[in-house]
């Protein structure tokens, strides 16, 4: 295995939080499939997000988080604002 690939696998293990390279690869592959779509997941999350933007003209961070939230990489949106001094 070349140095670049080994480094990517190490980064993947860190990013997924898995303990082994094989589990990290499985997690990343499942995430990619759900994002891109395929026979098992006919409409991927990226396509859903793009379609929502076309249908509504724009999307909110909360809508984006809802679509992109997966077990493999949880996404949530929390918005807070204030006026004046805290």
PDB file of N, CA and C in Angstrom:
ATOM      1  N   UNK A   1       0.860  -1.174   0.000  1.00  0.00           N
ATOM      2  CA  UNK A   1       0.000   0.000   0.000  1.00  0.00           C
ATOM      3  C   UNK A   1       0.900   1.229   0.000  1.00  0.00           C
ATOM      4  N   UNK A   2       0.551   2.191  -0.845  1.00  0.00           N
ATOM      5  CA  UNK A   2       1.404   3.376  -0.899  1.00  0.00           C
ATOM      6  C   UNK A   2       1.110   4.309   0.280  1.00  0.00           C
ATOM      7  N   UNK A   3       2.019   5.243   0.473  1.00  0.00           N
ATOM      8  CA  UNK A   3       1.946   6.141   1.635  1.00  0.00           C
ATOM      9  C   UNK A   3       0.676   6.991   1.639  1.00  0.00           C
ATOM     10  N   UNK A   4       0.284   7.489   0.463  1.00  0.00           N
ATOM     11  CA  UNK A   4      -0.923   8.320   0.381  1.00  0.00           C
ATOM     12  C   UNK A   4      -2.176   7.558   0.773  1.00  0.00           C
ATOM     13  N   UNK A   5      -2.276   6.328   0.301  1.00  0.00           N
ATOM     14  CA  UNK A   5      -3.453   5.517   0.638  1.00  0.00           C
ATOM     15  C   UNK A   5      -3.472   5.184   2.126  1.00  0.00           C
ATOM     16  N   UNK A   6      -2.333   4.842   2.676  1.00  0.00           N
ATOM     17  CA  UNK A   6      -2.249   4.539   4.108  1.00  0.00           C
ATOM     18  C   UNK A   6      -2.677   5.754   4.932  1.00  0.00           C
ATOM     19  N   UNK A   7      -2.236   6.932   4.531  1.00  0.00           N
ATOM     20  CA  UNK A   7      -2.600   8.164   5.239  1.00  0.00           C
ATOM     21  C   UNK A   7      -4.115   8.412   5.146  1.00  0.00           C
ATOM     22  N   UNK A   8      -4.704   8.199   3.951  1.00  0.00           N
ATOM     23  CA  UNK A   8      -6.155   8.366   3.795  1.00  0.00           C
ATOM     24  C   UNK A   8      -6.917   7.397   4.688  1.00  0.00           C
ATOM     25  N   UNK A   9      -6.450   6.166   4.770  1.00  0.00           N
ATOM     26  CA  UNK A   9      -7.117   5.189   5.634  1.00  0.00           C
ATOM     27  C   UNK A   9      -7.026   5.592   7.104  1.00  0.00           C
ATOM     28  N   UNK A  10      -5.883   6.103   7.510  1.00  0.00           N
ATOM     29  CA  UNK A  10      -5.737   6.578   8.890  1.00  0.00           C
ATOM     30  C   UNK A  10      -6.694   7.739   9.162  1.00  0.00           C
ATOM     31  N   UNK A  11      -6.806   8.658   8.210  1.00  0.00           N
ATOM     32  CA  UNK A  11      -7.736   9.784   8.361  1.00  0.00           C
ATOM     33  C   UNK A  11      -9.181   9.277   8.399  1.00  0.00           C
ATOM     34  N   UNK A  12      -9.477   8.273   7.605  1.00  0.00           N
ATOM     35  CA  UNK A  12     -10.822   7.703   7.575  1.00  0.00           C
ATOM     36  C   UNK A  12     -11.170   7.049   8.906  1.00  0.00           C
ATOM     37  N   UNK A  13     -10.228   6.333   9.488  1.00  0.00           N
ATOM     38  CA  UNK A  13     -10.448   5.731  10.809  1.00  0.00           C
ATOM     39  C   UNK A  13     -10.722   6.830  11.829  1.00  0.00           C
ATOM     40  N   UNK A  14      -9.942   7.900  11.793  1.00  0.00           N
ATOM     41  CA  UNK A  14     -10.156   9.024  12.714  1.00  0.00           C
ATOM     42  C   UNK A  14     -11.518   9.674  12.488  1.00  0.00           C
ATOM     43  N   UNK A  15     -11.856   9.913  11.233  1.00  0.00           N
ATOM     44  CA  UNK A  15     -13.102  10.620  10.907  1.00  0.00           C
ATOM     45  C   UNK A  15     -14.343   9.810  11.252  1.00  0.00           C
ATOM     46  N   UNK A  16     -14.283   8.500  11.065  1.00  0.00           N
ATOM     47  CA  UNK A  16     -15.462   7.670  11.332  1.00  0.00           C
ATOM     48  C   UNK A  16     -15.574   7.266  12.790  1.00  0.00           C
ATOM     49  N   UNK A  17     -14.469   7.302  13.510  1.00  0.00           N
ATOM     50  CA  UNK A  17     -14.490   6.864  14.897  1.00  0.00           C
ATOM     51  C   UNK A  17     -14.474   5.349  15.036  1.00  0.00           C
ATOM     52  N   UNK A  18     -14.294   4.655  13.937  1.00  0.00           N
ATOM     53  CA  UNK A  18     -14.227   3.193  13.983  1.00  0.00           C
ATOM     54  C   UNK A  18     -12.861   2.764  14.500  1.00  0.00           C
ATOM     55  N   UNK A  19     -12.776   1.524  14.973  1.00  0.00           N
ATOM     56  CA  UNK A  19     -11.521   1.035  15.540  1.00  0.00           C
ATOM     57  C   UNK A  19     -10.618   0.362  14.513  1.00  0.00           C
ATOM     58  N   UNK A  20     -11.201  -0.071  13.406  1.00  0.00           N
ATOM     59  CA  UNK A  20     -10.403  -0.768  12.398  1.00  0.00           C
ATOM     60  C   UNK A  20     -10.590  -0.120  11.032  1.00  0.00           C
ATOM     61  N   UNK A  21      -9.617  -0.357  10.173  1.00  0.00           N
ATOM     62  CA  UNK A  21      -9.696   0.184   8.816  1.00  0.00           C
ATOM     63  C   UNK A  21     -10.872  -0.419   8.062  1.00  0.00           C
ATOM     64  N   UNK A  22     -11.101  -1.714   8.250  1.00  0.00           N
ATOM     65  CA  UNK A  22     -12.194  -2.356   7.509  1.00  0.00           C
ATOM     66  C   UNK A  22     -13.550  -1.801   7.926  1.00  0.00           C
ATOM     67  N   UNK A  23     -13.749  -1.545   9.212  1.00  0.00           N
ATOM     68  CA  UNK A  23     -15.013  -0.955   9.665  1.00  0.00           C
ATOM     69  C   UNK A  23     -15.138   0.483   9.173  1.00  0.00           C
ATOM     70  N   UNK A  24     -14.031   1.205   9.168  1.00  0.00           N
ATOM     71  CA  UNK A  24     -14.053   2.582   8.667  1.00  0.00           C
ATOM     72  C   UNK A  24     -14.418   2.605   7.188  1.00  0.00           C
ATOM     73  N   UNK A  25     -13.877   1.679   6.427  1.00  0.00           N
ATOM     74  CA  UNK A  25     -14.203   1.594   5.001  1.00  0.00           C
ATOM     75  C   UNK A  25     -15.675   1.252   4.820  1.00  0.00           C
ATOM     76  N   UNK A  26     -16.196   0.306   5.607  1.00  0.00           N
ATOM     77  CA  UNK A  26     -17.619  -0.054   5.520  1.00  0.00           C
ATOM     78  C   UNK A  26     -18.511   1.145   5.829  1.00  0.00           C
ATOM     79  N   UNK A  27     -18.176   1.878   6.883  1.00  0.00           N
ATOM     80  CA  UNK A  27     -18.960   3.050   7.268  1.00  0.00           C
ATOM     81  C   UNK A  27     -18.920   4.112   6.175  1.00  0.00           C
ATOM     82  N   UNK A  28     -17.740   4.367   5.645  1.00  0.00           N
ATOM     83  CA  UNK A  28     -17.603   5.366   4.584  1.00  0.00           C
ATOM     84  C   UNK A  28     -18.337   4.932   3.321  1.00  0.00           C
ATOM     85  N   UNK A  29     -18.270   3.657   2.994  1.00  0.00           N
ATOM     86  CA  UNK A  29     -18.965   3.154   1.805  1.00  0.00           C
ATOM     87  C   UNK A  29     -20.472   3.293   1.966  1.00  0.00           C
ATOM     88  N   UNK A  30     -20.997   2.953   3.129  1.00  0.00           N
ATOM     89  CA  UNK A  30     -22.435   3.079   3.379  1.00  0.00           C
ATOM     90  C   UNK A  30     -22.865   4.540   3.279  1.00  0.00           C
ATOM     91  N   UNK A  31     -22.075   5.442   3.843  1.00  0.00           N
ATOM     92  CA  UNK A  31     -22.377   6.868   3.766  1.00  0.00           C
ATOM     93  C   UNK A  31     -22.386   7.334   2.313  1.00  0.00           C
ATOM     94  N   UNK A  32     -21.388   6.936   1.550  1.00  0.00           N
ATOM     95  CA  UNK A  32     -21.300   7.336   0.143  1.00  0.00           C
ATOM     96  C   UNK A  32     -22.513   6.838  -0.632  1.00  0.00           C
ATOM     97  N   UNK A  33     -22.898   5.593  -0.414  1.00  0.00           N
ATOM     98  CA  UNK A  33     -24.064   5.021  -1.097  1.00  0.00           C
ATOM     99  C   UNK A  33     -25.317   5.819  -0.774  1.00  0.00           C
ATOM    100  N   UNK A  34     -25.502   6.171   0.493  1.00  0.00           N
ATOM    101  CA  UNK A  34     -26.692   6.924   0.885  1.00  0.00           C
ATOM    102  C   UNK A  34     -26.661   8.354   0.354  1.00  0.00           C
ATOM    103  N   UNK A  35     -25.486   8.930   0.229  1.00  0.00           N
ATOM    104  CA  UNK A  35     -25.377  10.280  -0.326  1.00  0.00           C
ATOM    105  C   UNK A  35     -25.614  10.275  -1.835  1.00  0.00           C
ATOM    106  N   UNK A  36     -24.950   9.364  -2.535  1.00  0.00           N
ATOM    107  CA  UNK A  36     -24.996   9.349  -3.997  1.00  0.00           C
ATOM    108  C   UNK A  36     -26.230   8.656  -4.548  1.00  0.00           C
ATOM    109  N   UNK A  37     -26.723   7.656  -3.842  1.00  0.00           N
ATOM    110  CA  UNK A  37     -27.824   6.858  -4.347  1.00  0.00           C
ATOM    111  C   UNK A  37     -27.312   5.740  -5.235  1.00  0.00           C
ATOM    112  N   UNK A  38     -28.077   4.682  -5.313  1.00  0.00           N
ATOM    113  CA  UNK A  38     -27.761   3.526  -6.154  1.00  0.00           C
ATOM    114  C   UNK A  38     -29.004   2.652  -6.187  1.00  0.00           C
ATOM    115  N   UNK A  39     -28.872   1.422  -6.650  1.00  0.00           N
ATOM    116  CA  UNK A  39     -30.031   0.530  -6.696  1.00  0.00           C
ATOM    117  C   UNK A  39     -30.655   0.342  -5.310  1.00  0.00           C
ATOM    118  N   UNK A  40     -29.820   0.202  -4.294  1.00  0.00           N
ATOM    119  CA  UNK A  40     -30.321  -0.018  -2.935  1.00  0.00           C
ATOM    120  C   UNK A  40     -30.946   1.237  -2.337  1.00  0.00           C
ATOM    121  N   UNK A  41     -30.471   2.388  -2.742  1.00  0.00           N
ATOM    122  CA  UNK A  41     -30.976   3.676  -2.265  1.00  0.00           C
ATOM    123  C   UNK A  41     -31.244   4.523  -3.509  1.00  0.00           C
ATOM    124  N   UNK A  42     -32.430   4.355  -4.122  1.00  0.00           N
ATOM    125  CA  UNK A  42     -32.688   4.991  -5.421  1.00  0.00           C
ATOM    126  C   UNK A  42     -32.480   6.505  -5.451  1.00  0.00           C
ATOM    127  N   UNK A  43     -32.867   7.192  -4.409  1.00  0.00           N
ATOM    128  CA  UNK A  43     -32.692   8.642  -4.375  1.00  0.00           C
ATOM    129  C   UNK A  43     -31.718   8.983  -3.255  1.00  0.00           C
ATOM    130  N   UNK A  44     -30.513   9.372  -3.635  1.00  0.00           N
ATOM    131  CA  UNK A  44     -29.514   9.724  -2.643  1.00  0.00           C
ATOM    132  C   UNK A  44     -29.831  11.051  -1.975  1.00  0.00           C
ATOM    133  N   UNK A  45     -29.181  11.293  -0.849  1.00  0.00           N
ATOM    134  CA  UNK A  45     -29.425  12.515  -0.087  1.00  0.00           C
ATOM    135  C   UNK A  45     -29.021  13.763  -0.862  1.00  0.00           C
ATOM    136  N   UNK A  46     -27.973  13.682  -1.658  1.00  0.00           N
ATOM    137  CA  UNK A  46     -27.560  14.854  -2.440  1.00  0.00           C
ATOM    138  C   UNK A  46     -28.647  15.203  -3.449  1.00  0.00           C
ATOM    139  N   UNK A  47     -29.203  14.193  -4.110  1.00  0.00           N
ATOM    140  CA  UNK A  47     -30.290  14.440  -5.060  1.00  0.00           C
ATOM    141  C   UNK A  47     -31.516  15.008  -4.348  1.00  0.00           C
ATOM    142  N   UNK A  48     -31.838  14.481  -3.173  1.00  0.00           N
ATOM    143  CA  UNK A  48     -32.972  15.008  -2.404  1.00  0.00           C
ATOM    144  C   UNK A  48     -32.758  16.478  -2.076  1.00  0.00           C
ATOM    145  N   UNK A  49     -31.545  16.808  -1.666  1.00  0.00           N
ATOM    146  CA  UNK A  49     -31.225  18.187  -1.307  1.00  0.00           C
ATOM    147  C   UNK A  49     -31.327  19.108  -2.518  1.00  0.00           C
ATOM    148  N   UNK A  50     -30.805  18.674  -3.637  1.00  0.00           N
ATOM    149  CA  UNK A  50     -30.884  19.479  -4.860  1.00  0.00           C
ATOM    150  C   UNK A  50     -32.336  19.649  -5.305  1.00  0.00           C
ATOM    151  N   UNK A  51     -33.129  18.592  -5.218  1.00  0.00           N
ATOM    152  CA  UNK A  51     -34.530  18.678  -5.623  1.00  0.00           C
ATOM    153  C   UNK A  51     -35.298  19.624  -4.707  1.00  0.00           C
ATOM    154  N   UNK A  52     -35.015  19.581  -3.421  1.00  0.00           N
ATOM    155  CA  UNK A  52     -35.663  20.494  -2.484  1.00  0.00           C
ATOM    156  C   UNK A  52     -35.327  21.941  -2.833  1.00  0.00           C
ATOM    157  N   UNK A  53     -34.074  22.203  -3.172  1.00  0.00           N
ATOM    158  CA  UNK A  53     -33.674  23.562  -3.554  1.00  0.00           C
ATOM    159  C   UNK A  53     -34.399  24.010  -4.821  1.00  0.00           C
ATOM    160  N   UNK A  54     -34.556  23.114  -5.783  1.00  0.00           N
ATOM    161  CA  UNK A  54     -35.281  23.448  -7.014  1.00  0.00           C
ATOM    162  C   UNK A  54     -36.749  23.708  -6.703  1.00  0.00           C
ATOM    163  N   UNK A  55     -37.349  22.832  -5.906  1.00  0.00           N
ATOM    164  CA  UNK A  55     -38.774  22.948  -5.587  1.00  0.00           C
ATOM    165  C   UNK A  55     -39.092  24.202  -4.785  1.00  0.00           C
ATOM    166  N   UNK A  56     -38.228  24.537  -3.830  1.00  0.00           N
ATOM    167  CA  UNK A  56     -38.526  25.634  -2.911  1.00  0.00           C
ATOM    168  C   UNK A  56     -37.774  26.924  -3.237  1.00  0.00           C
ATOM    169  N   UNK A  57     -36.795  26.868  -4.100  1.00  0.00           N
ATOM    170  CA  UNK A  57     -36.023  28.054  -4.438  1.00  0.00           C
ATOM    171  C   UNK A  57     -34.830  28.279  -3.540  1.00  0.00           C
ATOM    172  N   UNK A  58     -34.896  27.792  -2.337  1.00  0.00           N
ATOM    173  CA  UNK A  58     -33.774  27.845  -1.405  1.00  0.00           C
ATOM    174  C   UNK A  58     -34.056  26.846  -0.293  1.00  0.00           C
ATOM    175  N   UNK A  59     -33.039  26.557   0.474  1.00  0.00           N
ATOM    176  CA  UNK A  59     -33.214  25.644   1.600  1.00  0.00           C
ATOM    177  C   UNK A  59     -32.598  26.265   2.842  1.00  0.00           C
ATOM    178  N   UNK A  60     -33.133  25.903   3.967  1.00  0.00           N
ATOM    179  CA  UNK A  60     -32.626  26.408   5.236  1.00  0.00           C
ATOM    180  C   UNK A  60     -31.590  25.438   5.795  1.00  0.00           C
ATOM    181  N   UNK A  61     -30.767  25.909   6.711  1.00  0.00           N
ATOM    182  CA  UNK A  61     -29.826  24.996   7.352  1.00  0.00           C
ATOM    183  C   UNK A  61     -30.536  23.813   8.028  1.00  0.00           C
ATOM    184  N   UNK A  62     -31.689  24.046   8.607  1.00  0.00           N
ATOM    185  CA  UNK A  62     -32.429  22.958   9.249  1.00  0.00           C
ATOM    186  C   UNK A  62     -32.859  21.911   8.225  1.00  0.00           C
ATOM    187  N   UNK A  63     -33.301  22.348   7.050  1.00  0.00           N
ATOM    188  CA  UNK A  63     -33.690  21.404   6.002  1.00  0.00           C
ATOM    189  C   UNK A  63     -32.485  20.611   5.509  1.00  0.00           C
ATOM    190  N   UNK A  64     -31.364  21.279   5.356  1.00  0.00           N
ATOM    191  CA  UNK A  64     -30.142  20.604   4.928  1.00  0.00           C
ATOM    192  C   UNK A  64     -29.749  19.548   5.951  1.00  0.00           C
ATOM    193  N   UNK A  65     -29.757  19.921   7.219  1.00  0.00           N
ATOM    194  CA  UNK A  65     -29.387  18.982   8.274  1.00  0.00           C
ATOM    195  C   UNK A  65     -30.316  17.776   8.298  1.00  0.00           C
ATOM    196  N   UNK A  66     -31.598  17.999   8.104  1.00  0.00           N
ATOM    197  CA  UNK A  66     -32.559  16.896   8.107  1.00  0.00           C
ATOM    198  C   UNK A  66     -32.249  15.899   7.001  1.00  0.00           C
ATOM    199  N   UNK A  67     -31.928  16.387   5.824  1.00  0.00           N
ATOM    200  CA  UNK A  67     -31.649  15.501   4.691  1.00  0.00           C
ATOM    201  C   UNK A  67     -30.300  14.803   4.846  1.00  0.00           C
ATOM    202  N   UNK A  68     -29.297  15.506   5.315  1.00  0.00           N
ATOM    203  CA  UNK A  68     -27.954  14.935   5.398  1.00  0.00           C
ATOM    204  C   UNK A  68     -27.702  14.117   6.655  1.00  0.00           C
ATOM    205  N   UNK A  69     -28.603  14.133   7.605  1.00  0.00           N
ATOM    206  CA  UNK A  69     -28.425  13.414   8.862  1.00  0.00           C
ATOM    207  C   UNK A  69     -28.522  11.908   8.637  1.00  0.00           C
ATOM    208  N   UNK A  70     -27.427  11.212   8.839  1.00  0.00           N
ATOM    209  CA  UNK A  70     -27.376   9.762   8.690  1.00  0.00           C
ATOM    210  C   UNK A  70     -26.697   9.160   9.908  1.00  0.00           C
ATOM    211  N   UNK A  71     -26.938   7.884  10.141  1.00  0.00           N
ATOM    212  CA  UNK A  71     -26.288   7.216  11.263  1.00  0.00           C
ATOM    213  C   UNK A  71     -24.763   7.292  11.154  1.00  0.00           C
ATOM    214  N   UNK A  72     -24.254   7.165   9.925  1.00  0.00           N
ATOM    215  CA  UNK A  72     -22.810   7.158   9.718  1.00  0.00           C
ATOM    216  C   UNK A  72     -22.163   8.509   9.997  1.00  0.00           C
ATOM    217  N   UNK A  73     -22.902   9.594   9.772  1.00  0.00           N
ATOM    218  CA  UNK A  73     -22.389  10.939  10.035  1.00  0.00           C
ATOM    219  C   UNK A  73     -23.564  11.823  10.437  1.00  0.00           C
ATOM    220  N   UNK A  74     -23.884  11.839  11.725  1.00  0.00           N
ATOM    221  CA  UNK A  74     -25.019  12.642  12.175  1.00  0.00           C
ATOM    222  C   UNK A  74     -24.810  14.130  11.891  1.00  0.00           C
ATOM    223  N   UNK A  75     -25.885  14.767  11.460  1.00  0.00           N
ATOM    224  CA  UNK A  75     -25.874  16.203  11.186  1.00  0.00           C
ATOM    225  C   UNK A  75     -27.070  16.808  11.904  1.00  0.00           C
ATOM    226  N   UNK A  76     -26.833  17.871  12.644  1.00  0.00           N
ATOM    227  CA  UNK A  76     -27.950  18.567  13.282  1.00  0.00           C
ATOM    228  C   UNK A  76     -27.716  20.067  13.126  1.00  0.00           C
ATOM    229  N   UNK A  77     -28.782  20.803  13.256  1.00  0.00           N
ATOM    230  CA  UNK A  77     -28.694  22.252  13.148  1.00  0.00           C
ATOM    231  C   UNK A  77     -29.298  22.844  14.404  1.00  0.00           C
ATOM    232  N   UNK A  78     -28.550  23.733  15.029  1.00  0.00           N
ATOM    233  CA  UNK A  78     -29.018  24.421  16.222  1.00  0.00           C
ATOM    234  C   UNK A  78     -28.748  25.904  16.002  1.00  0.00           C
ATOM    235  N   UNK A  79     -29.793  26.689  16.063  1.00  0.00           N
ATOM    236  CA  UNK A  79     -29.658  28.116  15.783  1.00  0.00           C
ATOM    237  C   UNK A  79     -29.978  28.912  17.041  1.00  0.00           C
ATOM    238  N   UNK A  80     -29.132  29.858  17.336  1.00  0.00           N
ATOM    239  CA  UNK A  80     -29.347  30.711  18.505  1.00  0.00           C
ATOM    240  C   UNK A  80     -28.974  32.135  18.126  1.00  0.00           C
ATOM    241  N   UNK A  81     -29.762  33.075  18.570  1.00  0.00           N
ATOM    242  CA  UNK A  81     -29.434  34.468  18.341  1.00  0.00           C
ATOM    243  C   UNK A  81     -29.916  35.289  19.529  1.00  0.00           C
ATOM    244  N   UNK A  82     -29.376  36.485  19.651  1.00  0.00           N
ATOM    245  CA  UNK A  82     -29.804  37.380  20.726  1.00  0.00           C
ATOM    246  C   UNK A  82     -29.623  38.819  20.258  1.00  0.00           C
ATOM    247  N   UNK A  83     -30.257  39.706  20.974  1.00  0.00           N
ATOM    248  CA  UNK A  83     -30.151  41.129  20.696  1.00  0.00           C
ATOM    249  C   UNK A  83     -29.695  41.794  21.983  1.00  0.00           C
ATOM    250  N   UNK A  84     -28.730  42.660  21.879  1.00  0.00           N
ATOM    251  CA  UNK A  84     -28.242  43.341  23.065  1.00  0.00           C
ATOM    252  C   UNK A  84     -27.154  42.540  23.758  1.00  0.00           C
ATOM    253  N   UNK A  85     -26.951  42.856  25.014  1.00  0.00           N
ATOM    254  CA  UNK A  85     -25.886  42.224  25.790  1.00  0.00           C
ATOM    255  C   UNK A  85     -26.396  40.967  26.463  1.00  0.00           C
ATOM    256  N   UNK A  86     -25.496  40.036  26.615  1.00  0.00           N
ATOM    257  CA  UNK A  86     -25.841  38.790  27.326  1.00  0.00           C
ATOM    258  C   UNK A  86     -25.539  38.930  28.781  1.00  0.00           C
TER     259      UNK A  86
END
